[in-house]
Protein backbone atom coordinates (compact mmCIF):
# COMPACT_ATOMS: atom_id res chain seq x y z
CA UNK A 1 106.82 112.28 73.02
CA UNK A 2 103.36 110.14 73.04
CA UNK A 3 100.27 112.46 72.72
CA UNK A 4 97.86 109.27 74.03
CA UNK A 5 96.07 110.11 77.32
CA UNK A 6 96.53 107.27 79.92
CA UNK A 7 92.83 105.46 80.71
CA UNK A 8 92.75 104.44 84.21
CA UNK A 9 89.50 102.03 83.47
CA UNK A 10 91.51 100.77 80.32
CA UNK A 11 94.45 100.10 82.65
CA UNK A 12 92.31 98.68 85.18
CA UNK A 13 91.06 95.85 82.27
CA UNK A 14 94.40 94.23 82.12
CA UNK A 15 94.75 92.85 84.84
CA UNK A 16 92.22 90.73 87.77
CA UNK A 17 94.94 89.95 90.60
CA UNK A 18 94.87 92.29 93.76
CA UNK A 19 97.76 93.47 95.55
CA UNK A 20 99.81 93.36 92.50
CA UNK A 21 100.51 96.85 91.58
CA UNK A 22 100.88 97.72 87.74
CA UNK A 23 103.26 100.75 86.30
CA UNK A 24 101.50 102.79 83.92
CA UNK A 25 103.51 105.84 84.08
CA UNK A 26 106.68 107.63 85.46
CA UNK A 27 107.69 110.66 86.41
CA UNK A 28 111.71 111.87 87.10
CA UNK A 29 112.22 108.73 89.55
CA UNK A 30 108.72 108.04 90.50
CA UNK A 31 106.58 105.69 89.28
CA UNK A 32 102.53 105.81 88.92
CA UNK A 33 100.86 102.24 90.06
CA UNK A 34 97.20 101.07 89.48
CA UNK A 35 96.40 98.49 91.99
CA UNK A 36 93.17 96.44 92.94
CA UNK A 37 93.11 95.99 96.85
CA UNK A 38 90.57 93.12 98.40
CA UNK A 39 91.39 91.62 102.02
CA UNK A 40 93.61 92.28 104.36
CA UNK A 41 97.50 92.63 103.12
CA UNK A 42 100.45 92.75 105.90
CA UNK A 43 101.94 95.22 107.45
CA UNK A 44 105.25 96.64 105.98
CA UNK A 45 106.94 99.89 106.35
CA UNK A 46 109.01 101.36 103.54
CA UNK A 47 111.87 103.14 105.51
CA UNK A 48 113.41 105.38 102.79
CA UNK A 49 110.31 106.54 101.06
CA UNK A 50 106.63 108.31 101.82
CA UNK A 51 103.91 106.23 100.05
CA UNK A 52 100.27 107.88 98.03
CA UNK A 53 97.68 105.82 98.25
CA UNK A 54 94.64 107.59 95.67
CA UNK A 55 91.80 105.40 95.75
CA UNK A 56 89.98 105.81 92.11
CA UNK A 57 86.98 103.18 92.79
CA UNK A 58 85.59 101.78 96.09
CA UNK A 59 87.01 102.43 99.66
CA UNK A 60 89.53 101.09 101.57
CA UNK A 61 91.42 101.57 104.81
CA UNK A 62 95.00 102.39 106.07
CA UNK A 63 95.51 100.69 109.86
CA UNK A 64 98.38 102.15 111.65
CA UNK A 65 99.59 101.17 114.83
CA UNK A 66 97.92 103.97 116.84
CA UNK A 67 94.97 104.70 114.50
CA UNK A 68 93.33 103.89 111.10
CA UNK A 69 92.68 106.34 107.93
CA UNK A 70 89.34 105.28 105.63
CA UNK A 71 89.55 106.44 102.29
CA UNK A 72 86.97 106.60 99.55
CA UNK A 73 87.05 107.36 95.73
CA UNK A 74 88.52 110.80 95.02
CA UNK A 75 90.67 110.84 98.18
CA UNK A 76 94.22 109.81 98.66
CA UNK A 77 96.89 109.61 101.89
CA UNK A 78 100.61 110.37 102.67
CA UNK A 79 102.26 107.97 103.83
CA UNK A 80 105.46 109.13 106.05
CA UNK A 81 108.65 107.00 105.17
CA UNK A 82 109.02 104.71 107.91
CA UNK A 83 105.89 104.47 109.28
CA UNK A 84 104.15 100.96 109.82
CA UNK A 85 101.16 100.35 107.72
CA UNK A 86 98.78 97.53 106.65
CA UNK A 87 96.08 98.87 103.52
CA UNK A 88 92.72 96.47 103.40
CA UNK A 89 89.63 96.64 102.09
CA UNK A 90 85.77 94.24 102.36
CA UNK A 91 85.45 94.84 98.61
CA UNK A 92 87.32 95.26 95.54
CA UNK A 93 88.93 99.05 95.58
CA UNK A 94 90.98 100.14 92.62
CA UNK A 95 93.78 102.85 93.48
CA UNK A 96 96.77 104.41 92.39
CA UNK A 97 100.10 104.25 94.14
CA UNK A 98 102.66 107.08 93.45
CA UNK A 99 106.12 106.32 94.99
CA UNK A 100 109.98 105.96 93.86
CA UNK A 101 110.78 103.39 90.97
CA UNK A 102 111.79 100.00 92.82
CA UNK A 103 109.97 100.29 95.77
CA UNK A 104 108.87 97.13 97.18
CA UNK A 105 104.89 96.53 97.71
CA UNK A 106 105.45 94.86 100.57
CA UNK A 107 108.50 97.00 102.22
CA UNK A 108 110.26 95.60 105.12
CA UNK A 109 108.47 92.66 105.62
CA UNK A 110 109.18 90.78 102.37
CA UNK A 111 107.59 87.22 101.81
CA UNK A 112 104.73 85.68 99.63
CA UNK A 113 102.71 89.00 98.92
CA UNK A 114 106.07 90.70 97.64
CA UNK A 115 104.67 91.22 93.89
CA UNK A 116 107.19 91.30 90.83
CA UNK A 117 108.47 94.66 90.40
CA UNK A 118 108.24 97.03 87.63
CA UNK A 119 105.46 95.56 85.56
CA UNK A 120 103.55 97.64 83.14
CA UNK A 121 100.14 97.61 82.06
C-alpha cells in the first residue's frame, strides 16, 4: 500500500490540455479524474452510469435541455445516468470527475473531443 497523499495542485500542473481527463486514483471500479475545462463541450449522455463533477478551482456550468446548474469551487453535482448534458466554462476551471473505469468523456456523442481513456498523471 502506498502511504503518499495525492496532491491535486501537483497533478493539475502535469498537463495543460482542456477536456482531457487524467486519472489520479481508483476505488473499486471507479476512477477519480482531474480535468481542465474551458469553452463549450459537446452535448452527450452516459446511458449506463451517473457522473460526478466536483469543482476544485474556478467555476463552470452544466447545461441540460431543461435548464442548467452553476458550480463554483468546493461544489459538486451528480448527473444521473442517461441525462443529456453539456459542460462549459468561460475561464479555465479545474474539476474532478468521479465515474466508473472505461467511461468515454464524450459518452454517446463520440467525435474529435473524445479523449484517450485511462491516462494517469
